Amino acid sequence: MKVSLRVKITLAMIVVLLAGYLFLAFWGNDLIYQKQYSDKVNSLRKDAEYIAASYKANNGNIQRSLLESIAYTTETDIWVLSVKGELLSHSGQKPDLKNLIPYTPSDAIKGYYMEGDFYGTRSEDTLSVFVPLAVVVIPQGYVVLHYPVSSIQKATDQMQLFAYIMYFFMSGLLILFAIFMDFLITRPIRKIRKAGLEYCNENHTFPNPLPKRRDELGEIARSEEELAHQLNENAEAQHKFIANISHDFRSPLTSIRGYIGAMQDGTIPPEMQDKYFGVVLNETERLQKLANGLLDMTQLENGIRLSKSSFDVNDLIREVLPTFEGAVNEKDLTFCLTFETVHQNVSADRARIQQVIYNLVDNAIKFSETGSTVDLSTKLLGDKVFVSVADHGCGIEKENLNKIWDRFYKTDSSRGRDKKGTGLGLSIVREIIQAHKEKIDVISAPNVGTEFIFSLTADMR
């Protein structure tokens, strides 16, 4: 059964309040009474000891004014008894005692106080605290301070009433705190949860529920919103990819089917079939390139397994360039190679780096202006070799620079210039470089050109 956070907090608060009330109701009175009783015993004993000290200092004499003063301030009844139980002195009115008090010190609790009617001499239960009177070692009598037990209970009841008042006051504060926390935490969490459900239901445009919060909950809400935007962008990219890939597959297939059908039914005469066979071959190569790109993308998603070795990156560039001879001649382009040294060894996966160079050169040729150059260079800085591939073409707008690494993205949305592109080349390049734990950067300016620079670890052996 689902239990909301608000219900849990409410139940926890009820449990705490109920536990506090039960504690006060069943144990509070006893604890308070014991504390009041103990404090009163100690207080009366100090007063009794003070009287005993005065008795000793006055060589066996006690001033009645002293007894009355102490009795008034402590609300006690003070008796001075002889060792035989005779009343020698007292505070206030003289008690009506008919017989000797059969006082026995061993009857007292802990040797200095007792509770009850004090051998039938008190009309109510009292706390009687006593201290021996002596000028020398031998006791000559006792000073006894009587305090009504009912007064202790009365003070206890007052303290418990105060405890109840404080309990209800603190309970009110706790309830206000719970309401405050509900507004401050519980409700915002519910808003975040609602936004999360909206995002899960693909409502990626649902607004941030806590736009003004600058605490941890606000950060969670902003992170959730950012994630929703990324999911929205990924969904749009996926939809665009499906549309693009459908177009890229459909166009060559339509051409192949059309030309083969035309040759089969005689619309294209035999003497012209070689020309159209070439067109069909180009279209199949286009399909193969697209399929390879999709396969590479799938492999990258599952993680790249590198097979590193030492090789000459300059020789690798020289090997790749002849594969573009046809495209270079068609656009009257020139390769310009600038190598800091004739040979430059690096430690990397040769096949993957060949794929990187191929994709970057293919991209440079595709967007180069007719009659321009494609510049390639390598340079050693510290333990890194930096490889550069630059074209002199249309360049990339600043707002599109971060998008070129996205899968399926094409800078030429009209598809006029990039007819054979799959939108996967640069994404694959970045994945390969990152798998090598290296970096790749791009510098571009519209109508000037674009330069890609990536690093590799130099092999110094």
Protein backbone atom coordinates (compact mmCIF):
# COMPACT_ATOMS: atom_id res chain seq x y z
CA MET A 1 0.00 0.00 0.00
CA LYS A 2 1.35 3.38 -1.00
CA VAL A 3 1.80 5.87 1.84
CA SER A 4 2.59 9.47 0.94
CA LEU A 5 5.39 11.45 2.58
CA ARG A 6 2.84 13.85 4.06
CA VAL A 7 1.00 10.97 5.77
CA LYS A 8 4.28 9.56 7.13
CA ILE A 9 5.28 12.93 8.59
CA THR A 10 1.81 13.37 10.11
CA LEU A 11 1.90 9.90 11.67
CA ALA A 12 5.39 10.50 13.03
CA MET A 13 4.26 13.78 14.59
CA ILE A 14 1.20 12.09 16.17
CA VAL A 15 3.40 9.34 17.61
CA VAL A 16 5.81 11.89 19.11
CA LEU A 17 3.00 13.98 20.62
CA LEU A 18 1.20 10.92 21.99
CA ALA A 19 4.42 9.54 23.50
CA GLY A 20 5.10 12.88 25.19
CA TYR A 21 1.59 13.04 26.61
CA LEU A 22 1.68 9.47 27.92
CA PHE A 23 5.05 10.11 29.52
CA LEU A 24 3.71 13.15 31.36
CA ALA A 25 0.49 11.38 32.36
CA PHE A 26 2.00 8.15 33.71
CA TRP A 27 5.55 9.00 34.77
CA GLY A 28 5.74 12.78 34.89
CA ASN A 29 4.06 13.22 38.27
CA ASP A 30 6.26 10.59 39.97
CA LEU A 31 9.46 12.00 38.54
CA ILE A 32 8.55 15.55 39.49
CA TYR A 33 7.47 14.46 43.00
CA GLN A 34 10.71 12.57 43.57
CA LYS A 35 12.72 15.58 42.47
CA GLN A 36 10.70 17.97 44.66
CA TYR A 37 10.95 15.58 47.63
CA SER A 38 14.72 15.16 47.27
CA ASP A 39 15.29 18.90 46.93
CA LYS A 40 13.15 19.64 50.00
CA VAL A 41 15.00 17.03 52.11
CA ASN A 42 18.36 18.54 51.20
CA SER A 43 17.11 22.09 51.80
CA LEU A 44 15.67 21.24 55.26
CA ARG A 45 18.80 19.38 56.23
CA LYS A 46 20.95 22.44 55.47
CA ASP A 47 18.65 24.59 57.63
CA ALA A 48 18.81 22.03 60.44
CA GLU A 49 22.61 21.93 60.24
CA TYR A 50 22.67 25.72 60.41
CA ILE A 51 20.62 25.64 63.63
CA ALA A 52 22.90 22.93 65.05
CA ALA A 53 25.96 25.02 64.26
CA SER A 54 24.35 28.01 66.01
CA TYR A 55 23.63 25.79 69.05
CA LYS A 56 27.27 24.77 69.26
CA ALA A 57 28.52 28.31 68.75
CA ASN A 58 26.32 29.55 71.63
CA ASN A 59 27.43 26.78 74.01
CA GLY A 60 24.15 24.93 74.06
CA ASN A 61 21.76 27.86 73.70
CA ILE A 62 19.35 28.43 70.79
CA GLN A 63 17.67 31.76 70.21
CA ARG A 64 13.99 31.31 69.59
CA SER A 65 14.04 34.24 67.19
CA LEU A 66 16.40 32.23 64.99
CA LEU A 67 13.96 29.30 64.97
CA GLU A 68 11.03 31.53 64.12
CA SER A 69 12.96 33.27 61.34
CA ILE A 70 13.97 30.00 59.72
CA ALA A 71 10.49 28.52 60.21
CA TYR A 72 8.91 31.53 58.50
CA THR A 73 11.19 31.48 55.45
CA THR A 74 11.02 27.68 55.01
CA GLU A 75 7.32 27.28 55.93
CA THR A 76 8.25 24.63 58.51
CA ASP A 77 7.53 23.88 62.13
CA ILE A 78 10.76 23.57 64.16
CA TRP A 79 11.14 21.61 67.39
CA VAL A 80 14.15 21.19 69.65
CA LEU A 81 14.03 17.87 71.53
CA SER A 82 16.14 16.43 74.29
CA VAL A 83 17.66 12.99 73.91
CA LYS A 84 14.77 11.70 76.08
CA GLY A 85 12.11 13.17 73.79
CA GLU A 86 11.25 16.30 75.79
CA LEU A 87 10.29 19.47 73.90
CA LEU A 88 12.95 22.06 74.77
CA SER A 89 12.09 24.79 72.29
CA HIS A 90 9.91 25.41 69.24
CA SER A 91 8.86 27.93 66.63
CA GLY A 92 5.34 29.39 66.52
CA GLN A 93 2.68 28.11 68.90
CA LYS A 94 3.62 25.47 71.45
CA PRO A 95 2.48 22.03 70.32
CA ASP A 96 0.08 20.07 72.54
CA LEU A 97 2.30 17.17 73.62
CA LYS A 98 1.05 15.01 76.48
CA ASN A 99 3.86 12.51 76.62
CA LEU A 100 7.51 12.24 75.79
CA ILE A 101 8.25 11.71 72.12
CA PRO A 102 9.66 8.17 71.75
CA TYR A 103 12.18 9.38 69.19
CA THR A 104 14.62 6.74 67.95
CA PRO A 105 17.21 7.78 65.31
CA SER A 106 17.19 4.28 63.85
CA ASP A 107 13.57 4.83 62.73
CA ALA A 108 14.66 7.49 60.28
CA ILE A 109 15.30 6.93 56.61
CA LYS A 110 19.01 7.26 55.79
CA GLY A 111 19.52 8.35 59.41
CA TYR A 112 18.33 11.96 59.15
CA TYR A 113 14.71 12.17 57.93
CA MET A 114 11.39 10.32 58.20
CA GLU A 115 7.87 10.65 56.85
CA GLY A 116 4.55 10.22 58.68
CA ASP A 117 2.77 11.67 61.75
CA PHE A 118 6.03 11.69 63.78
CA TYR A 119 4.94 9.25 66.49
CA GLY A 120 1.36 10.55 66.51
CA THR A 121 2.34 14.16 67.21
CA ARG A 122 1.35 15.55 63.81
CA SER A 123 -2.19 15.89 62.46
CA GLU A 124 -1.05 15.19 58.89
CA ASP A 125 1.79 13.41 57.21
CA THR A 126 4.96 15.46 57.36
CA LEU A 127 8.51 15.25 56.20
CA SER A 128 10.58 15.46 59.38
CA VAL A 129 14.28 16.22 59.01
CA PHE A 130 16.51 16.29 62.09
CA VAL A 131 20.11 16.89 63.05
CA PRO A 132 21.72 16.14 66.44
CA LEU A 133 22.65 19.06 68.74
CA ALA A 134 26.00 18.80 70.45
CA VAL A 135 28.55 21.13 71.96
CA VAL A 136 31.05 18.29 71.99
CA VAL A 137 30.75 14.81 70.44
CA ILE A 138 27.86 13.44 72.55
CA PRO A 139 24.37 14.56 71.29
CA GLN A 140 22.44 16.63 73.84
CA GLY A 141 19.30 16.79 71.78
CA TYR A 142 17.90 17.13 68.28
CA VAL A 143 16.53 19.87 66.08
CA VAL A 144 13.58 18.65 63.98
CA LEU A 145 12.08 20.51 61.00
CA HIS A 146 8.56 19.44 60.04
CA TYR A 147 7.29 20.14 56.50
CA PRO A 148 3.83 19.01 55.27
CA VAL A 149 3.98 16.32 52.60
CA SER A 150 0.86 17.88 51.08
CA SER A 151 2.93 21.00 50.31
CA ILE A 152 5.39 18.87 48.35
CA GLN A 153 2.48 17.33 46.43
CA LYS A 154 1.05 20.80 45.83
CA ALA A 155 4.36 22.01 44.43
CA THR A 156 4.51 18.82 42.33
CA ASP A 157 1.03 19.48 40.92
CA GLN A 158 2.04 23.04 40.05
CA MET A 159 5.17 21.80 38.30
CA GLN A 160 3.20 19.18 36.41
CA LEU A 161 0.66 21.81 35.34
CA PHE A 162 3.55 23.90 34.08
CA ALA A 163 4.89 20.82 32.27
CA TYR A 164 1.50 20.29 30.59
CA ILE A 165 1.39 23.95 29.55
CA MET A 166 4.88 23.65 28.08
CA TYR A 167 3.89 20.37 26.41
CA PHE A 168 0.88 21.93 24.68
CA PHE A 169 2.94 24.99 23.78
CA MET A 170 5.68 22.85 22.24
CA SER A 171 3.03 20.68 20.54
CA GLY A 172 1.63 23.81 18.94
CA LEU A 173 5.10 24.81 17.78
CA LEU A 174 5.63 21.30 16.41
CA ILE A 175 2.36 21.45 14.49
CA LEU A 176 3.29 24.86 13.08
CA PHE A 177 6.71 23.48 12.18
CA ALA A 178 5.09 20.52 10.42
CA ILE A 179 2.82 22.88 8.45
CA PHE A 180 5.82 25.02 7.56
CA MET A 181 7.80 21.96 6.44
CA ASP A 182 4.80 20.85 4.40
CA PHE A 183 4.89 24.12 2.47
CA LEU A 184 8.67 24.20 2.35
CA ILE A 185 9.46 20.57 1.43
CA THR A 186 6.50 18.20 1.05
CA ARG A 187 4.48 20.26 -1.43
CA PRO A 188 7.51 21.13 -3.60
CA ILE A 189 8.42 17.42 -3.69
CA ARG A 190 4.90 16.63 -4.87
CA LYS A 191 5.26 19.28 -7.59
CA ILE A 192 8.58 17.76 -8.66
CA ARG A 193 6.97 14.32 -8.71
CA LYS A 194 4.10 15.62 -10.84
CA ALA A 195 6.57 17.20 -13.26
CA GLY A 196 8.48 13.90 -13.42
CA LEU A 197 5.28 12.03 -14.30
CA GLU A 198 4.54 14.58 -17.02
CA TYR A 199 8.02 14.12 -18.44
CA CYS A 200 7.60 10.33 -18.32
CA ASN A 201 4.38 10.78 -20.30
CA GLU A 202 6.48 12.61 -22.94
CA ASN A 203 5.14 16.03 -21.99
CA HIS A 204 8.65 17.46 -22.27
CA THR A 205 7.41 21.06 -22.41
CA PHE A 206 5.95 20.90 -18.88
CA PRO A 207 7.34 23.97 -17.03
CA ASN A 208 9.79 23.86 -14.15
CA PRO A 209 7.64 23.52 -10.98
CA LEU A 210 10.15 25.43 -8.82
CA PRO A 211 11.68 28.13 -11.03
CA LYS A 212 12.60 30.48 -8.14
CA ARG A 213 13.99 27.97 -5.64
CA ARG A 214 17.74 28.23 -5.11
CA ASP A 215 18.17 25.27 -2.76
CA GLU A 216 18.61 21.51 -3.30
CA LEU A 217 14.96 21.05 -4.32
CA GLY A 218 15.33 23.81 -6.88
CA GLU A 219 18.45 22.10 -8.25
CA ILE A 220 16.55 18.81 -8.51
CA ALA A 221 13.71 20.54 -10.37
CA ARG A 222 16.12 22.24 -12.77
CA SER A 223 18.02 18.99 -13.34
CA GLU A 224 14.73 17.22 -14.02
CA GLU A 225 13.72 19.93 -16.47
CA GLU A 226 17.11 19.79 -18.19
CA LEU A 227 16.80 16.02 -18.49
CA ALA A 228 13.34 16.43 -20.02
CA HIS A 229 14.73 18.92 -22.54
CA GLN A 230 17.51 16.50 -23.44
CA LEU A 231 15.00 13.70 -23.84
CA ASN A 232 12.93 15.99 -26.04
CA GLU A 233 15.95 16.85 -28.16
CA ASN A 234 16.88 13.18 -28.41
CA ALA A 235 13.33 12.31 -29.43
CA GLU A 236 13.35 15.03 -32.06
CA ALA A 237 16.76 13.86 -33.28
CA GLN A 238 15.49 10.30 -33.45
CA HIS A 239 12.41 11.33 -35.42
CA LYS A 240 14.59 13.39 -37.73
CA PHE A 241 16.98 10.48 -38.09
CA ILE A 242 14.16 8.15 -39.08
CA ALA A 243 12.98 10.68 -41.64
CA ASN A 244 16.50 11.20 -42.97
CA ILE A 245 17.41 7.54 -43.03
CA SER A 246 14.15 6.73 -44.77
CA HIS A 247 14.93 9.36 -47.38
CA ASP A 248 18.54 8.17 -47.72
CA PHE A 249 17.43 4.57 -48.24
CA ARG A 250 14.44 5.37 -50.42
CA SER A 251 16.22 7.71 -52.84
CA PRO A 252 18.96 5.30 -54.05
CA LEU A 253 16.56 2.36 -54.04
CA THR A 254 14.11 4.33 -56.17
CA SER A 255 16.91 5.25 -58.60
CA ILE A 256 18.22 1.67 -58.77
CA ARG A 257 14.75 0.27 -59.35
CA GLY A 258 13.93 2.91 -61.93
CA TYR A 259 17.12 2.48 -63.98
CA ILE A 260 17.06 -1.32 -63.84
CA GLY A 261 13.38 -1.33 -64.85
CA ALA A 262 14.09 1.06 -67.68
CA MET A 263 16.93 -1.15 -68.95
CA GLN A 264 14.80 -4.26 -68.58
CA ASP A 265 11.86 -2.92 -70.61
CA GLY A 266 14.08 -1.34 -73.22
CA THR A 267 13.42 2.30 -72.35
CA ILE A 268 17.21 2.71 -72.01
CA PRO A 269 18.86 1.38 -75.18
CA PRO A 270 21.73 -1.14 -74.87
CA GLU A 271 24.34 1.35 -76.02
CA MET A 272 23.54 3.63 -73.01
CA GLN A 273 23.27 0.91 -70.37
CA ASP A 274 26.93 1.15 -69.31
CA LYS A 275 26.34 4.75 -68.26
CA TYR A 276 23.34 3.88 -66.12
CA PHE A 277 25.02 0.79 -64.70
CA GLY A 278 27.59 3.25 -63.33
CA VAL A 279 24.79 5.30 -61.75
CA VAL A 280 23.34 2.15 -60.18
CA LEU A 281 26.80 1.22 -58.84
CA ASN A 282 27.19 4.67 -57.25
CA GLU A 283 23.80 4.31 -55.59
CA THR A 284 24.69 0.89 -54.17
CA GLU A 285 27.94 2.35 -52.80
CA ARG A 286 25.85 5.06 -51.18
CA LEU A 287 23.64 2.42 -49.56
CA GLN A 288 26.69 0.49 -48.40
CA LYS A 289 28.18 3.61 -46.82
CA LEU A 290 24.94 4.29 -44.98
CA ALA A 291 24.71 0.71 -43.72
CA ASN A 292 28.35 0.81 -42.54
CA GLY A 293 27.67 4.05 -40.70
CA LEU A 294 24.70 2.52 -38.89
CA LEU A 295 26.77 -0.54 -38.00
CA ASP A 296 29.57 1.64 -36.63
CA MET A 297 27.06 3.62 -34.58
CA THR A 298 25.67 0.41 -33.06
CA GLN A 299 29.17 -0.78 -32.17
CA LEU A 300 29.98 2.56 -30.56
CA GLU A 301 26.84 2.37 -28.41
CA ASN A 302 28.02 -1.02 -27.11
CA GLY A 303 31.51 0.33 -26.38
CA ILE A 304 34.66 0.40 -28.48
CA ARG A 305 37.30 -2.24 -28.02
CA LEU A 306 40.60 -0.71 -29.05
CA SER A 307 43.54 -2.64 -30.40
CA LYS A 308 46.39 -0.21 -29.84
CA SER A 309 49.71 -0.39 -31.65
CA SER A 310 52.54 1.90 -32.69
CA PHE A 311 52.27 3.30 -36.23
CA ASP A 312 53.27 6.30 -38.33
CA VAL A 313 50.30 8.66 -38.50
CA ASN A 314 51.91 10.58 -41.39
CA ASP A 315 52.06 7.39 -43.48
CA LEU A 316 48.45 6.64 -42.52
CA ILE A 317 47.35 10.03 -43.88
CA ARG A 318 49.27 9.39 -47.12
CA GLU A 319 47.49 6.03 -47.46
CA VAL A 320 44.01 7.50 -46.95
CA LEU A 321 44.24 10.42 -49.40
CA PRO A 322 44.41 8.40 -52.69
CA THR A 323 40.93 6.97 -51.96
CA PHE A 324 39.51 10.46 -52.61
CA GLU A 325 41.15 10.93 -55.99
CA GLY A 326 37.87 10.92 -57.87
CA ALA A 327 36.16 13.45 -55.61
CA VAL A 328 39.25 15.68 -55.57
CA ASN A 329 39.51 15.73 -59.38
CA GLU A 330 35.78 16.39 -59.69
CA LYS A 331 36.02 19.57 -57.54
CA ASP A 332 39.55 20.51 -58.67
CA LEU A 333 40.84 20.33 -55.09
CA THR A 334 44.41 20.10 -53.84
CA PHE A 335 45.73 18.37 -50.72
CA CYS A 336 48.27 20.45 -48.80
CA LEU A 337 50.31 18.34 -46.32
CA THR A 338 52.35 20.00 -43.57
CA PHE A 339 54.22 17.48 -41.40
CA GLU A 340 56.62 18.69 -38.71
CA THR A 341 58.70 15.54 -39.25
CA VAL A 342 58.75 12.99 -42.07
CA HIS A 343 57.66 10.23 -39.68
CA GLN A 344 55.56 10.62 -36.56
CA ASN A 345 54.74 7.52 -34.53
CA VAL A 346 51.69 7.39 -32.28
CA SER A 347 50.14 4.77 -30.00
CA ALA A 348 46.51 4.14 -30.97
CA ASP A 349 44.12 1.82 -32.77
CA ARG A 350 45.31 2.15 -36.37
CA ALA A 351 42.06 1.03 -38.01
CA ARG A 352 39.96 3.40 -35.91
CA ILE A 353 42.27 6.39 -36.49
CA GLN A 354 42.17 5.60 -40.21
CA GLN A 355 38.37 5.80 -39.94
CA VAL A 356 38.67 9.18 -38.17
CA ILE A 357 40.97 10.64 -40.84
CA TYR A 358 38.79 9.25 -43.63
CA ASN A 359 35.62 10.81 -42.18
CA LEU A 360 37.27 14.18 -41.56
CA VAL A 361 38.83 14.34 -45.06
CA ASP A 362 35.54 13.21 -46.63
CA ASN A 363 33.75 15.95 -44.68
CA ALA A 364 36.35 18.56 -45.74
CA ILE A 365 36.05 17.62 -49.42
CA LYS A 366 32.27 17.67 -49.24
CA PHE A 367 32.14 21.27 -47.99
CA SER A 368 35.19 22.72 -49.81
CA GLU A 369 34.73 25.31 -52.49
CA THR A 370 35.72 24.25 -56.00
CA GLY A 371 39.39 24.92 -56.72
CA SER A 372 40.37 25.32 -53.05
CA THR A 373 42.71 23.26 -50.87
CA VAL A 374 42.27 20.76 -48.08
CA ASP A 375 45.03 21.22 -45.50
CA LEU A 376 46.34 18.36 -43.35
CA SER A 377 49.08 18.69 -40.74
CA THR A 378 50.65 16.93 -37.77
CA LYS A 379 52.61 18.54 -34.95
CA LEU A 380 54.28 17.20 -31.80
CA LEU A 381 53.68 19.13 -28.56
CA GLY A 382 55.02 17.44 -25.43
CA ASP A 383 53.80 13.84 -25.47
CA LYS A 384 50.87 14.60 -27.79
CA VAL A 385 50.61 14.64 -31.57
CA PHE A 386 47.99 17.03 -32.92
CA VAL A 387 46.42 16.16 -36.27
CA SER A 388 44.60 18.88 -38.20
CA VAL A 389 42.21 18.63 -41.16
CA ALA A 390 41.01 21.98 -42.56
CA ASP A 391 38.91 23.07 -45.54
CA HIS A 392 38.23 26.41 -47.17
CA GLY A 393 34.51 26.19 -47.61
CA CYS A 394 31.20 27.48 -46.34
CA GLY A 395 32.07 27.05 -42.64
CA ILE A 396 29.63 26.47 -39.79
CA GLU A 397 27.47 29.01 -38.00
CA LYS A 398 28.41 29.58 -34.35
CA GLU A 399 25.05 28.38 -33.03
CA ASN A 400 25.49 25.08 -34.89
CA LEU A 401 29.01 24.23 -33.69
CA ASN A 402 27.81 22.21 -30.69
CA LYS A 403 25.29 20.34 -32.81
CA ILE A 404 27.69 18.90 -35.37
CA TRP A 405 28.68 16.12 -32.95
CA ASP A 406 25.09 14.96 -32.56
CA ARG A 407 24.19 11.78 -34.33
CA PHE A 408 22.15 12.19 -37.51
CA TYR A 409 22.72 15.95 -37.57
CA LYS A 410 23.39 17.61 -40.94
CA THR A 411 24.47 21.22 -41.19
CA ASP A 412 22.88 21.51 -44.64
CA SER A 413 19.23 20.95 -43.80
CA SER A 414 18.26 21.51 -47.40
CA ARG A 415 20.35 18.43 -48.29
CA GLY A 416 21.58 20.29 -51.35
CA ARG A 417 25.30 20.06 -50.58
CA ASP A 418 25.39 16.94 -48.39
CA LYS A 419 23.42 14.53 -50.53
CA LYS A 420 25.51 11.49 -49.68
CA GLY A 421 26.05 12.21 -46.00
CA THR A 422 24.49 10.13 -43.26
CA GLY A 423 24.88 12.58 -40.39
CA LEU A 424 26.91 9.95 -38.52
CA GLY A 425 30.50 10.71 -39.55
CA LEU A 426 31.43 13.37 -36.98
CA SER A 427 29.59 11.56 -34.19
CA ILE A 428 31.60 8.42 -34.94
CA VAL A 429 34.81 10.49 -35.04
CA ARG A 430 34.21 11.95 -31.60
CA GLU A 431 33.31 8.58 -30.08
CA ILE A 432 36.53 7.04 -31.39
CA ILE A 433 38.70 9.91 -30.12
CA GLN A 434 37.02 9.84 -26.70
CA ALA A 435 37.54 6.07 -26.54
CA HIS A 436 41.27 6.83 -26.89
CA LYS A 437 40.83 9.33 -23.99
CA GLU A 438 41.93 12.10 -26.31
CA LYS A 439 40.29 15.38 -27.38
CA ILE A 440 38.94 16.80 -30.62
CA ASP A 441 38.08 20.47 -31.26
CA VAL A 442 36.60 22.42 -34.14
CA ILE A 443 37.29 25.95 -35.32
CA SER A 444 35.01 27.42 -37.96
CA ALA A 445 33.92 30.69 -39.47
CA PRO A 446 31.14 31.16 -42.07
CA ASN A 447 32.42 31.56 -45.64
CA VAL A 448 36.00 31.00 -44.42
CA GLY A 449 36.29 27.32 -43.60
CA THR A 450 36.42 24.71 -40.88
CA GLU A 451 39.35 23.05 -39.08
CA PHE A 452 39.18 19.88 -36.96
CA ILE A 453 42.08 19.18 -34.58
CA PHE A 454 42.44 15.99 -32.56
CA SER A 455 45.21 14.67 -30.34
CA LEU A 456 46.95 11.30 -30.12
CA THR A 457 49.55 9.97 -27.69
CA ALA A 458 53.00 10.10 -29.22
CA ASP A 459 55.15 6.95 -29.22
CA MET A 460 58.59 8.16 -28.13
CA ARG A 461 60.32 4.81 -28.52
